[in-house]
């Protein structure tokens, strides 16, 4: 066993996973990840990407929220004694002019530099994390709907094609939503951006060729929690749940018509997701409509799990 820690810092949230990773089972085939035994998994909404789409810079208050979460995570990593830490930063820090401030702050707190990875690298980590427990015989389309970008990956046990496009729940909300609830023309503008981004994704990724759609990240898991009728968020029930297209469409229709206060009253809705869930849910619905997916398989395992496996491989 190798004890590792992975941090995924995105546009909306920062997340930590500390896990023991077993040696890969040679019987599972080359490239198969070893079993991952989770010790601590947590998420904090920091909205690092606040205003980045408009200003091109990370806001001082967003940086401070992120550094506060890093200090909390540093204490957990020290307590659990991880041998290796990998800190991966995604969309917001790729786009920001002042990302050096972010890099130096993380280095001071955690002792490692954040890796500002490309969208293609992000897609590969997400795919590894999401499909590790799923049947190897199937062909998957993995979609990771983030705050600033969405990653599309097609493959079976290996990535065949990947593309990151700049549609995410925070970016789309900040760009288009001014009303409460969102006006019809604002929803139309969000949908138009999503459809244009799907056109870009399809230039390099055959998103209609997969047998199974796998959805990752908070927008998808929140829709799943609502669909399952949960009174409180339950990751075990959400993980590998299958949500039909008709149910997703029903939930999106309800969210689109809801006010901020009505969404905040949904028991499984994280407070940091109330203002952006409409955009995130619309991304999921548009993907299902474009691909003809009859259902989405929801995974709680994602880029964090891929980061953990990559850490273990480096230690070995």
C-alpha atoms as a PDB file:
ATOM      1  CA  UNK A   1       0.000   0.000   0.000  1.00  0.00           C
ATOM      2  CA  UNK A   2       1.098   3.542  -0.772  1.00  0.00           C
ATOM      3  CA  UNK A   3      -0.498   6.441   1.161  1.00  0.00           C
ATOM      4  CA  UNK A   4      -1.018   9.480  -1.029  1.00  0.00           C
ATOM      5  CA  UNK A   5      -2.902  12.768  -1.035  1.00  0.00           C
ATOM      6  CA  UNK A   6      -4.430  14.510  -4.011  1.00  0.00           C
ATOM      7  CA  UNK A   7      -5.896  18.010  -4.196  1.00  0.00           C
ATOM      8  CA  UNK A   8      -8.071  19.191  -7.064  1.00  0.00           C
ATOM      9  CA  UNK A   9      -8.523  22.959  -7.158  1.00  0.00           C
ATOM     10  CA  UNK A  10     -11.143  24.002  -9.665  1.00  0.00           C
ATOM     11  CA  UNK A  11     -13.137  27.098 -10.510  1.00  0.00           C
ATOM     12  CA  UNK A  12     -15.814  26.547  -7.865  1.00  0.00           C
ATOM     13  CA  UNK A  13     -14.413  24.111  -5.300  1.00  0.00           C
ATOM     14  CA  UNK A  14     -11.229  22.676  -3.842  1.00  0.00           C
ATOM     15  CA  UNK A  15     -11.212  19.020  -2.852  1.00  0.00           C
ATOM     16  CA  UNK A  16      -8.901  16.687  -0.955  1.00  0.00           C
ATOM     17  CA  UNK A  17      -8.498  12.916  -1.105  1.00  0.00           C
ATOM     18  CA  UNK A  18      -6.136  10.983   1.155  1.00  0.00           C
ATOM     19  CA  UNK A  19      -6.029   7.292   0.288  1.00  0.00           C
ATOM     20  CA  UNK A  20      -4.035   4.088   0.428  1.00  0.00           C
ATOM     21  CA  UNK A  21      -3.457   2.723  -3.075  1.00  0.00           C
ATOM     22  CA  UNK A  22      -2.764  -0.988  -3.555  1.00  0.00           C
ATOM     23  CA  UNK A  23      -0.393  -2.389  -6.142  1.00  0.00           C
ATOM     24  CA  UNK A  24      -2.158  -2.959  -9.487  1.00  0.00           C
ATOM     25  CA  UNK A  25      -3.554  -6.458 -10.008  1.00  0.00           C
ATOM     26  CA  UNK A  26      -1.681  -7.891 -12.978  1.00  0.00           C
ATOM     27  CA  UNK A  27      -4.675 -10.084 -13.781  1.00  0.00           C
ATOM     28  CA  UNK A  28      -6.742  -6.966 -14.504  1.00  0.00           C
ATOM     29  CA  UNK A  29      -4.596  -6.021 -17.487  1.00  0.00           C
ATOM     30  CA  UNK A  30      -1.918  -3.470 -18.227  1.00  0.00           C
ATOM     31  CA  UNK A  31      -2.759  -0.003 -17.097  1.00  0.00           C
ATOM     32  CA  UNK A  32      -5.401  -1.105 -14.586  1.00  0.00           C
ATOM     33  CA  UNK A  33      -5.277   0.975 -11.406  1.00  0.00           C
ATOM     34  CA  UNK A  34      -4.781  -0.653  -8.033  1.00  0.00           C
ATOM     35  CA  UNK A  35      -7.561  -0.663  -5.430  1.00  0.00           C
ATOM     36  CA  UNK A  36      -7.985   2.698  -3.734  1.00  0.00           C
ATOM     37  CA  UNK A  37      -8.887   2.724  -0.028  1.00  0.00           C
ATOM     38  CA  UNK A  38     -10.257   6.121   0.907  1.00  0.00           C
ATOM     39  CA  UNK A  39      -9.163   7.606   4.241  1.00  0.00           C
ATOM     40  CA  UNK A  40     -10.437  11.177   3.927  1.00  0.00           C
ATOM     41  CA  UNK A  41     -12.375  12.945   1.168  1.00  0.00           C
ATOM     42  CA  UNK A  42     -13.646  16.485   1.585  1.00  0.00           C
ATOM     43  CA  UNK A  43     -14.756  19.479  -0.451  1.00  0.00           C
ATOM     44  CA  UNK A  44     -14.871  23.227   0.182  1.00  0.00           C
ATOM     45  CA  UNK A  45     -16.579  25.776  -2.059  1.00  0.00           C
ATOM     46  CA  UNK A  46     -14.059  28.604  -2.518  1.00  0.00           C
ATOM     47  CA  UNK A  47     -15.161  30.061  -5.893  1.00  0.00           C
ATOM     48  CA  UNK A  48     -11.558  30.628  -6.996  1.00  0.00           C
ATOM     49  CA  UNK A  49     -12.869  31.537 -10.448  1.00  0.00           C
ATOM     50  CA  UNK A  50     -14.930  34.467  -9.163  1.00  0.00           C
ATOM     51  CA  UNK A  51     -14.908  37.062 -11.950  1.00  0.00           C
ATOM     52  CA  UNK A  52     -12.081  35.422 -13.940  1.00  0.00           C
ATOM     53  CA  UNK A  53     -14.142  35.192 -17.130  1.00  0.00           C
ATOM     54  CA  UNK A  54     -14.700  38.978 -16.954  1.00  0.00           C
ATOM     55  CA  UNK A  55     -11.419  40.304 -15.475  1.00  0.00           C
ATOM     56  CA  UNK A  56      -8.849  37.659 -16.385  1.00  0.00           C
ATOM     57  CA  UNK A  57      -7.535  37.768 -12.795  1.00  0.00           C
ATOM     58  CA  UNK A  58      -7.998  35.840  -9.543  1.00  0.00           C
ATOM     59  CA  UNK A  59      -9.754  38.090  -7.015  1.00  0.00           C
ATOM     60  CA  UNK A  60      -7.927  38.713  -3.680  1.00  0.00           C
ATOM     61  CA  UNK A  61     -10.886  37.425  -1.651  1.00  0.00           C
ATOM     62  CA  UNK A  62     -11.080  34.287  -3.803  1.00  0.00           C
ATOM     63  CA  UNK A  63      -7.380  33.619  -3.229  1.00  0.00           C
ATOM     64  CA  UNK A  64      -7.795  34.030   0.531  1.00  0.00           C
ATOM     65  CA  UNK A  65     -10.744  31.598   0.645  1.00  0.00           C
ATOM     66  CA  UNK A  66      -8.635  29.085  -1.257  1.00  0.00           C
ATOM     67  CA  UNK A  67      -5.584  29.537   0.974  1.00  0.00           C
ATOM     68  CA  UNK A  68      -7.755  29.061   4.078  1.00  0.00           C
ATOM     69  CA  UNK A  69      -8.926  25.709   2.697  1.00  0.00           C
ATOM     70  CA  UNK A  70      -5.310  24.782   1.892  1.00  0.00           C
ATOM     71  CA  UNK A  71      -4.319  25.389   5.524  1.00  0.00           C
ATOM     72  CA  UNK A  72      -7.115  23.075   6.679  1.00  0.00           C
ATOM     73  CA  UNK A  73      -6.067  20.389   4.184  1.00  0.00           C
ATOM     74  CA  UNK A  74      -2.391  20.679   5.179  1.00  0.00           C
ATOM     75  CA  UNK A  75      -3.331  19.715   8.747  1.00  0.00           C
ATOM     76  CA  UNK A  76      -5.275  16.652   7.537  1.00  0.00           C
ATOM     77  CA  UNK A  77      -2.428  15.506   5.267  1.00  0.00           C
ATOM     78  CA  UNK A  78       0.085  15.831   8.108  1.00  0.00           C
ATOM     79  CA  UNK A  79      -2.148  13.956  10.540  1.00  0.00           C
ATOM     80  CA  UNK A  80      -2.696  11.035   8.157  1.00  0.00           C
ATOM     81  CA  UNK A  81       0.944  10.882   7.056  1.00  0.00           C
ATOM     82  CA  UNK A  82       0.681  10.817   3.260  1.00  0.00           C
ATOM     83  CA  UNK A  83       3.930   9.886   1.517  1.00  0.00           C
ATOM     84  CA  UNK A  84       3.242  11.984  -1.574  1.00  0.00           C
ATOM     85  CA  UNK A  85       1.045  15.003  -2.324  1.00  0.00           C
ATOM     86  CA  UNK A  86      -0.023  16.164  -5.757  1.00  0.00           C
ATOM     87  CA  UNK A  87      -1.905  19.452  -6.147  1.00  0.00           C
ATOM     88  CA  UNK A  88      -3.678  19.901  -9.463  1.00  0.00           C
ATOM     89  CA  UNK A  89      -5.229  23.206 -10.526  1.00  0.00           C
ATOM     90  CA  UNK A  90      -7.674  23.439 -13.376  1.00  0.00           C
ATOM     91  CA  UNK A  91      -9.706  25.958 -15.360  1.00  0.00           C
ATOM     92  CA  UNK A  92      -9.659  29.208 -13.341  1.00  0.00           C
ATOM     93  CA  UNK A  93      -5.913  29.142 -12.698  1.00  0.00           C
ATOM     94  CA  UNK A  94      -5.226  28.331 -16.362  1.00  0.00           C
ATOM     95  CA  UNK A  95      -7.074  31.485 -17.376  1.00  0.00           C
ATOM     96  CA  UNK A  96      -5.758  33.968 -14.772  1.00  0.00           C
ATOM     97  CA  UNK A  97      -3.069  36.577 -15.464  1.00  0.00           C
ATOM     98  CA  UNK A  98      -1.976  36.590 -11.791  1.00  0.00           C
ATOM     99  CA  UNK A  99      -1.737  32.830 -11.316  1.00  0.00           C
ATOM    100  CA  UNK A 100       1.789  33.309  -9.898  1.00  0.00           C
ATOM    101  CA  UNK A 101       0.166  34.690  -6.718  1.00  0.00           C
ATOM    102  CA  UNK A 102      -1.851  31.492  -6.475  1.00  0.00           C
ATOM    103  CA  UNK A 103       1.183  29.266  -7.079  1.00  0.00           C
ATOM    104  CA  UNK A 104       3.361  30.992  -4.447  1.00  0.00           C
ATOM    105  CA  UNK A 105       0.570  30.936  -1.844  1.00  0.00           C
ATOM    106  CA  UNK A 106      -0.028  27.203  -2.272  1.00  0.00           C
ATOM    107  CA  UNK A 107       3.718  26.494  -2.148  1.00  0.00           C
ATOM    108  CA  UNK A 108       4.051  28.395   1.135  1.00  0.00           C
ATOM    109  CA  UNK A 109       1.196  26.481   2.772  1.00  0.00           C
ATOM    110  CA  UNK A 110       1.549  22.938   1.386  1.00  0.00           C
ATOM    111  CA  UNK A 111       5.172  22.756   0.275  1.00  0.00           C
ATOM    112  CA  UNK A 112       4.314  21.781  -3.300  1.00  0.00           C
ATOM    113  CA  UNK A 113       3.679  23.837  -6.386  1.00  0.00           C
ATOM    114  CA  UNK A 114       0.233  23.444  -7.918  1.00  0.00           C
ATOM    115  CA  UNK A 115       0.364  21.865 -11.329  1.00  0.00           C
ATOM    116  CA  UNK A 116      -1.715  24.021 -13.650  1.00  0.00           C
ATOM    117  CA  UNK A 117      -2.631  21.152 -15.932  1.00  0.00           C
ATOM    118  CA  UNK A 118      -4.018  21.300 -19.447  1.00  0.00           C
ATOM    119  CA  UNK A 119      -7.609  20.441 -20.185  1.00  0.00           C
ATOM    120  CA  UNK A 120      -6.472  17.207 -21.849  1.00  0.00           C
ATOM    121  CA  UNK A 121      -4.539  16.164 -18.719  1.00  0.00           C
ATOM    122  CA  UNK A 122      -7.576  17.001 -16.598  1.00  0.00           C
ATOM    123  CA  UNK A 123      -9.703  14.807 -18.867  1.00  0.00           C
ATOM    124  CA  UNK A 124      -7.317  11.866 -18.555  1.00  0.00           C
ATOM    125  CA  UNK A 125      -7.231  12.013 -14.746  1.00  0.00           C
ATOM    126  CA  UNK A 126     -11.029  12.217 -14.656  1.00  0.00           C
ATOM    127  CA  UNK A 127     -11.384   9.216 -16.952  1.00  0.00           C
ATOM    128  CA  UNK A 128      -9.021   7.048 -14.900  1.00  0.00           C
ATOM    129  CA  UNK A 129     -10.811   7.935 -11.675  1.00  0.00           C
ATOM    130  CA  UNK A 130     -14.323   7.496 -13.053  1.00  0.00           C
ATOM    131  CA  UNK A 131     -13.959   4.182 -14.893  1.00  0.00           C
ATOM    132  CA  UNK A 132     -11.660   2.247 -12.550  1.00  0.00           C
ATOM    133  CA  UNK A 133     -14.569   0.301 -11.017  1.00  0.00           C
ATOM    134  CA  UNK A 134     -16.685  -0.034 -14.173  1.00  0.00           C
ATOM    135  CA  UNK A 135     -16.727  -3.021 -16.582  1.00  0.00           C
ATOM    136  CA  UNK A 136     -13.729  -3.004 -18.916  1.00  0.00           C
ATOM    137  CA  UNK A 137     -15.699  -4.265 -21.923  1.00  0.00           C
ATOM    138  CA  UNK A 138     -17.746  -1.088 -22.374  1.00  0.00           C
ATOM    139  CA  UNK A 139     -16.931   2.088 -24.258  1.00  0.00           C
ATOM    140  CA  UNK A 140     -17.488   5.191 -22.126  1.00  0.00           C
ATOM    141  CA  UNK A 141     -18.054   8.875 -22.610  1.00  0.00           C
ATOM    142  CA  UNK A 142     -16.921  10.542 -19.370  1.00  0.00           C
ATOM    143  CA  UNK A 143     -18.026  14.147 -18.879  1.00  0.00           C
ATOM    144  CA  UNK A 144     -16.649  16.231 -16.015  1.00  0.00           C
ATOM    145  CA  UNK A 145     -18.797  19.358 -15.654  1.00  0.00           C
ATOM    146  CA  UNK A 146     -16.728  21.856 -13.711  1.00  0.00           C
ATOM    147  CA  UNK A 147     -17.048  25.489 -12.768  1.00  0.00           C
ATOM    148  CA  UNK A 148     -15.068  26.892 -15.683  1.00  0.00           C
ATOM    149  CA  UNK A 149     -14.776  24.059 -18.168  1.00  0.00           C
ATOM    150  CA  UNK A 150     -16.177  20.670 -19.109  1.00  0.00           C
ATOM    151  CA  UNK A 151     -14.023  17.728 -20.133  1.00  0.00           C
ATOM    152  CA  UNK A 152     -15.138  15.075 -22.613  1.00  0.00           C
ATOM    153  CA  UNK A 153     -13.273  11.755 -22.773  1.00  0.00           C
ATOM    154  CA  UNK A 154     -14.058   8.661 -24.827  1.00  0.00           C
ATOM    155  CA  UNK A 155     -12.412   5.269 -24.274  1.00  0.00           C
ATOM    156  CA  UNK A 156     -12.679   1.867 -22.649  1.00  0.00           C
ATOM    157  CA  UNK A 157      -9.815   1.216 -20.241  1.00  0.00           C
ATOM    158  CA  UNK A 158      -7.673   3.769 -22.062  1.00  0.00           C
ATOM    159  CA  UNK A 159      -8.334   7.291 -23.278  1.00  0.00           C
ATOM    160  CA  UNK A 160      -8.942   7.344 -27.029  1.00  0.00           C
ATOM    161  CA  UNK A 161      -9.881  11.014 -27.412  1.00  0.00           C
ATOM    162  CA  UNK A 162     -10.318  13.969 -25.063  1.00  0.00           C
ATOM    163  CA  UNK A 163     -11.260  17.634 -25.265  1.00  0.00           C
ATOM    164  CA  UNK A 164     -11.767  20.404 -22.721  1.00  0.00           C
ATOM    165  CA  UNK A 165     -14.143  23.237 -23.615  1.00  0.00           C
ATOM    166  CA  UNK A 166     -14.856  26.469 -21.750  1.00  0.00           C
ATOM    167  CA  UNK A 167     -18.355  25.798 -20.499  1.00  0.00           C
ATOM    168  CA  UNK A 168     -18.856  25.401 -16.761  1.00  0.00           C
ATOM    169  CA  UNK A 169     -21.505  26.260 -14.211  1.00  0.00           C
ATOM    170  CA  UNK A 170     -19.710  29.332 -12.822  1.00  0.00           C
ATOM    171  CA  UNK A 171     -18.519  30.671 -16.177  1.00  0.00           C
ATOM    172  CA  UNK A 172     -21.960  30.365 -17.807  1.00  0.00           C
ATOM    173  CA  UNK A 173     -23.791  31.837 -14.816  1.00  0.00           C
ATOM    174  CA  UNK A 174     -21.488  34.854 -14.526  1.00  0.00           C
ATOM    175  CA  UNK A 175     -21.654  35.408 -18.273  1.00  0.00           C
ATOM    176  CA  UNK A 176     -25.416  35.306 -18.740  1.00  0.00           C
ATOM    177  CA  UNK A 177     -27.594  35.280 -15.603  1.00  0.00           C
ATOM    178  CA  UNK A 178     -28.857  38.577 -14.202  1.00  0.00           C
ATOM    179  CA  UNK A 179     -32.451  37.695 -13.209  1.00  0.00           C
ATOM    180  CA  UNK A 180     -34.042  35.583 -10.475  1.00  0.00           C
ATOM    181  CA  UNK A 181     -35.252  33.222 -11.774  1.00  0.00           C
ATOM    182  CA  UNK A 182     -33.209  33.366 -14.961  1.00  0.00           C
ATOM    183  CA  UNK A 183     -35.085  34.996 -17.847  1.00  0.00           C
ATOM    184  CA  UNK A 184     -35.940  32.959 -20.937  1.00  0.00           C
ATOM    185  CA  UNK A 185     -33.398  34.846 -23.049  1.00  0.00           C
ATOM    186  CA  UNK A 186     -30.685  34.152 -20.439  1.00  0.00           C
ATOM    187  CA  UNK A 187     -31.443  30.420 -20.543  1.00  0.00           C
ATOM    188  CA  UNK A 188     -31.397  30.552 -24.345  1.00  0.00           C
ATOM    189  CA  UNK A 189     -27.959  32.233 -24.245  1.00  0.00           C
ATOM    190  CA  UNK A 190     -26.617  29.537 -21.899  1.00  0.00           C
ATOM    191  CA  UNK A 191     -27.949  26.790 -24.156  1.00  0.00           C
ATOM    192  CA  UNK A 192     -26.422  28.468 -27.217  1.00  0.00           C
ATOM    193  CA  UNK A 193     -22.988  28.575 -25.550  1.00  0.00           C
ATOM    194  CA  UNK A 194     -23.277  24.914 -24.558  1.00  0.00           C
ATOM    195  CA  UNK A 195     -24.278  23.842 -28.061  1.00  0.00           C
ATOM    196  CA  UNK A 196     -21.393  25.778 -29.612  1.00  0.00           C
ATOM    197  CA  UNK A 197     -18.996  24.115 -27.156  1.00  0.00           C
ATOM    198  CA  UNK A 198     -20.417  20.686 -28.006  1.00  0.00           C
ATOM    199  CA  UNK A 199     -19.722  21.419 -31.669  1.00  0.00           C
ATOM    200  CA  UNK A 200     -16.089  22.113 -30.705  1.00  0.00           C
ATOM    201  CA  UNK A 201     -15.861  18.935 -28.618  1.00  0.00           C
ATOM    202  CA  UNK A 202     -17.190  16.861 -31.511  1.00  0.00           C
ATOM    203  CA  UNK A 203     -14.397  18.079 -33.774  1.00  0.00           C
ATOM    204  CA  UNK A 204     -11.983  15.803 -31.890  1.00  0.00           C
ATOM    205  CA  UNK A 205     -14.049  13.508 -29.636  1.00  0.00           C
ATOM    206  CA  UNK A 206     -16.675  11.095 -31.036  1.00  0.00           C
ATOM    207  CA  UNK A 207     -19.086  11.801 -28.184  1.00  0.00           C
ATOM    208  CA  UNK A 208     -21.973   9.901 -29.845  1.00  0.00           C
ATOM    209  CA  UNK A 209     -19.970   6.668 -30.200  1.00  0.00           C
ATOM    210  CA  UNK A 210     -19.963   5.502 -26.570  1.00  0.00           C
ATOM    211  CA  UNK A 211     -22.299   2.922 -25.054  1.00  0.00           C
ATOM    212  CA  UNK A 212     -22.386   4.536 -21.609  1.00  0.00           C
ATOM    213  CA  UNK A 213     -22.416   8.164 -20.439  1.00  0.00           C
ATOM    214  CA  UNK A 214     -20.639   8.710 -17.113  1.00  0.00           C
ATOM    215  CA  UNK A 215     -21.186  12.054 -15.372  1.00  0.00           C
ATOM    216  CA  UNK A 216     -18.851  13.593 -12.796  1.00  0.00           C
ATOM    217  CA  UNK A 217     -18.691  16.558 -10.415  1.00  0.00           C
ATOM    218  CA  UNK A 218     -21.096  18.556  -8.300  1.00  0.00           C
ATOM    219  CA  UNK A 219     -23.674  19.583 -10.881  1.00  0.00           C
ATOM    220  CA  UNK A 220     -24.221  15.938 -11.858  1.00  0.00           C
ATOM    221  CA  UNK A 221     -24.197  14.536  -8.315  1.00  0.00           C
ATOM    222  CA  UNK A 222     -26.621  17.238  -7.159  1.00  0.00           C
ATOM    223  CA  UNK A 223     -29.060  16.387  -9.962  1.00  0.00           C
ATOM    224  CA  UNK A 224     -28.700  12.718  -8.992  1.00  0.00           C
ATOM    225  CA  UNK A 225     -29.392  13.443  -5.315  1.00  0.00           C
ATOM    226  CA  UNK A 226     -32.579  15.305  -6.282  1.00  0.00           C
ATOM    227  CA  UNK A 227     -33.607  12.505  -8.660  1.00  0.00           C
ATOM    228  CA  UNK A 228     -33.140   9.890  -5.937  1.00  0.00           C
ATOM    229  CA  UNK A 229     -35.309  11.887  -3.543  1.00  0.00           C
ATOM    230  CA  UNK A 230     -32.612  12.054  -0.864  1.00  0.00           C
ATOM    231  CA  UNK A 231     -33.283  14.080   2.259  1.00  0.00           C
ATOM    232  CA  UNK A 232     -29.547  14.544   2.767  1.00  0.00           C
ATOM    233  CA  UNK A 233     -26.548  14.040   0.527  1.00  0.00           C
ATOM    234  CA  UNK A 234     -25.488  10.365   0.515  1.00  0.00           C
ATOM    235  CA  UNK A 235     -22.450   9.680  -1.666  1.00  0.00           C
ATOM    236  CA  UNK A 236     -22.835   5.884  -1.371  1.00  0.00           C
ATOM    237  CA  UNK A 237     -26.346   5.975  -2.839  1.00  0.00           C
ATOM    238  CA  UNK A 238     -25.366   8.507  -5.493  1.00  0.00           C
ATOM    239  CA  UNK A 239     -22.243   6.626  -6.643  1.00  0.00           C
ATOM    240  CA  UNK A 240     -23.078   4.525  -9.724  1.00  0.00           C
ATOM    241  CA  UNK A 241     -26.741   5.502  -9.651  1.00  0.00           C
ATOM    242  CA  UNK A 242     -28.372   5.606 -13.087  1.00  0.00           C
ATOM    243  CA  UNK A 243     -30.545   8.619 -13.766  1.00  0.00           C
ATOM    244  CA  UNK A 244     -32.830   8.407 -16.841  1.00  0.00           C
ATOM    245  CA  UNK A 245     -32.935  11.227 -19.388  1.00  0.00           C
ATOM    246  CA  UNK A 246     -36.604  11.937 -18.627  1.00  0.00           C
ATOM    247  CA  UNK A 247     -35.810  12.490 -14.934  1.00  0.00           C
ATOM    248  CA  UNK A 248     -32.888  14.793 -15.736  1.00  0.00           C
ATOM    249  CA  UNK A 249     -35.137  16.820 -18.087  1.00  0.00           C
ATOM    250  CA  UNK A 250     -37.823  17.087 -15.390  1.00  0.00           C
ATOM    251  CA  UNK A 251     -35.321  18.311 -12.775  1.00  0.00           C
ATOM    252  CA  UNK A 252     -33.731  20.817 -15.154  1.00  0.00           C
ATOM    253  CA  UNK A 253     -37.154  22.220 -16.035  1.00  0.00           C
ATOM    254  CA  UNK A 254     -37.906  22.689 -12.326  1.00  0.00           C
ATOM    255  CA  UNK A 255     -34.511  24.294 -11.611  1.00  0.00           C
ATOM    256  CA  UNK A 256     -34.793  26.686 -14.539  1.00  0.00           C
ATOM    257  CA  UNK A 257     -38.121  27.989 -13.201  1.00  0.00           C
ATOM    258  CA  UNK A 258     -36.972  28.193  -9.565  1.00  0.00           C
ATOM    259  CA  UNK A 259     -35.791  31.227  -7.603  1.00  0.00           C
ATOM    260  CA  UNK A 260     -32.558  31.381  -5.656  1.00  0.00           C
ATOM    261  CA  UNK A 261     -34.529  30.929  -2.411  1.00  0.00           C
ATOM    262  CA  UNK A 262     -36.370  27.878  -3.757  1.00  0.00           C
ATOM    263  CA  UNK A 263     -33.130  26.209  -4.812  1.00  0.00           C
ATOM    264  CA  UNK A 264     -31.537  27.017  -1.453  1.00  0.00           C
ATOM    265  CA  UNK A 265     -34.415  25.190   0.251  1.00  0.00           C
ATOM    266  CA  UNK A 266     -33.572  21.902  -1.536  1.00  0.00           C
ATOM    267  CA  UNK A 267     -32.111  19.770   1.256  1.00  0.00           C
ATOM    268  CA  UNK A 268     -29.297  18.211  -0.833  1.00  0.00           C
ATOM    269  CA  UNK A 269     -28.208  21.506  -2.398  1.00  0.00           C
ATOM    270  CA  UNK A 270     -24.803  22.711  -1.199  1.00  0.00           C
ATOM    271  CA  UNK A 271     -25.013  26.460  -0.410  1.00  0.00           C
ATOM    272  CA  UNK A 272     -22.115  27.160  -2.755  1.00  0.00           C
ATOM    273  CA  UNK A 273     -23.964  25.558  -5.661  1.00  0.00           C
ATOM    274  CA  UNK A 274     -27.322  27.327  -5.361  1.00  0.00           C
ATOM    275  CA  UNK A 275     -26.500  30.120  -7.811  1.00  0.00           C
ATOM    276  CA  UNK A 276     -24.775  27.954 -10.438  1.00  0.00           C
ATOM    277  CA  UNK A 277     -26.725  24.670 -10.491  1.00  0.00           C
ATOM    278  CA  UNK A 278     -29.056  25.805 -13.276  1.00  0.00           C
ATOM    279  CA  UNK A 279     -26.161  26.274 -15.700  1.00  0.00           C
ATOM    280  CA  UNK A 280     -24.484  23.032 -14.629  1.00  0.00           C
ATOM    281  CA  UNK A 281     -27.693  21.014 -14.990  1.00  0.00           C
ATOM    282  CA  UNK A 282     -28.285  22.528 -18.437  1.00  0.00           C
ATOM    283  CA  UNK A 283     -24.829  21.351 -19.527  1.00  0.00           C
ATOM    284  CA  UNK A 284     -25.734  17.788 -18.487  1.00  0.00           C
ATOM    285  CA  UNK A 285     -29.107  17.919 -20.265  1.00  0.00           C
ATOM    286  CA  UNK A 286     -27.629  19.304 -23.490  1.00  0.00           C
ATOM    287  CA  UNK A 287     -24.968  16.564 -23.494  1.00  0.00           C
ATOM    288  CA  UNK A 288     -27.630  13.868 -23.081  1.00  0.00           C
ATOM    289  CA  UNK A 289     -29.695  15.385 -25.888  1.00  0.00           C
ATOM    290  CA  UNK A 290     -26.704  15.680 -28.226  1.00  0.00           C
ATOM    291  CA  UNK A 291     -25.520  12.109 -27.616  1.00  0.00           C
ATOM    292  CA  UNK A 292     -28.945  10.474 -27.339  1.00  0.00           C
ATOM    293  CA  UNK A 293     -28.012   9.010 -23.937  1.00  0.00           C
ATOM    294  CA  UNK A 294     -31.009   7.374 -22.284  1.00  0.00           C
ATOM    295  CA  UNK A 295     -29.397   7.643 -18.853  1.00  0.00           C
ATOM    296  CA  UNK A 296     -26.311   8.947 -17.068  1.00  0.00           C
ATOM    297  CA  UNK A 297     -24.225   6.787 -14.743  1.00  0.00           C
ATOM    298  CA  UNK A 298     -23.198   9.060 -11.870  1.00  0.00           C
ATOM    299  CA  UNK A 299     -19.722   8.642 -10.404  1.00  0.00           C
ATOM    300  CA  UNK A 300     -18.427  10.040  -7.128  1.00  0.00           C
ATOM    301  CA  UNK A 301     -14.960   8.940  -8.240  1.00  0.00           C
ATOM    302  CA  UNK A 302     -13.333  11.418 -10.564  1.00  0.00           C
ATOM    303  CA  UNK A 303     -10.208  13.500 -11.112  1.00  0.00           C
ATOM    304  CA  UNK A 304      -9.216  13.152  -7.435  1.00  0.00           C
ATOM    305  CA  UNK A 305      -9.030   9.376  -7.760  1.00  0.00           C
ATOM    306  CA  UNK A 306      -6.984   9.735 -10.940  1.00  0.00           C
ATOM    307  CA  UNK A 307      -4.593  12.097  -9.144  1.00  0.00           C
ATOM    308  CA  UNK A 308      -4.225   9.592  -6.274  1.00  0.00           C
ATOM    309  CA  UNK A 309      -3.349   6.789  -8.690  1.00  0.00           C
ATOM    310  CA  UNK A 310      -0.786   8.998 -10.436  1.00  0.00           C
ATOM    311  CA  UNK A 311       0.812   9.844  -7.061  1.00  0.00           C
ATOM    312  CA  UNK A 312       1.111   6.176  -6.159  1.00  0.00           C
ATOM    313  CA  UNK A 313       2.716   5.398  -9.520  1.00  0.00           C
ATOM    314  CA  UNK A 314       5.364   8.088  -8.901  1.00  0.00           C
ATOM    315  CA  UNK A 315       6.174   6.721  -5.430  1.00  0.00           C
ATOM    316  CA  UNK A 316       6.541   3.194  -6.810  1.00  0.00           C
END
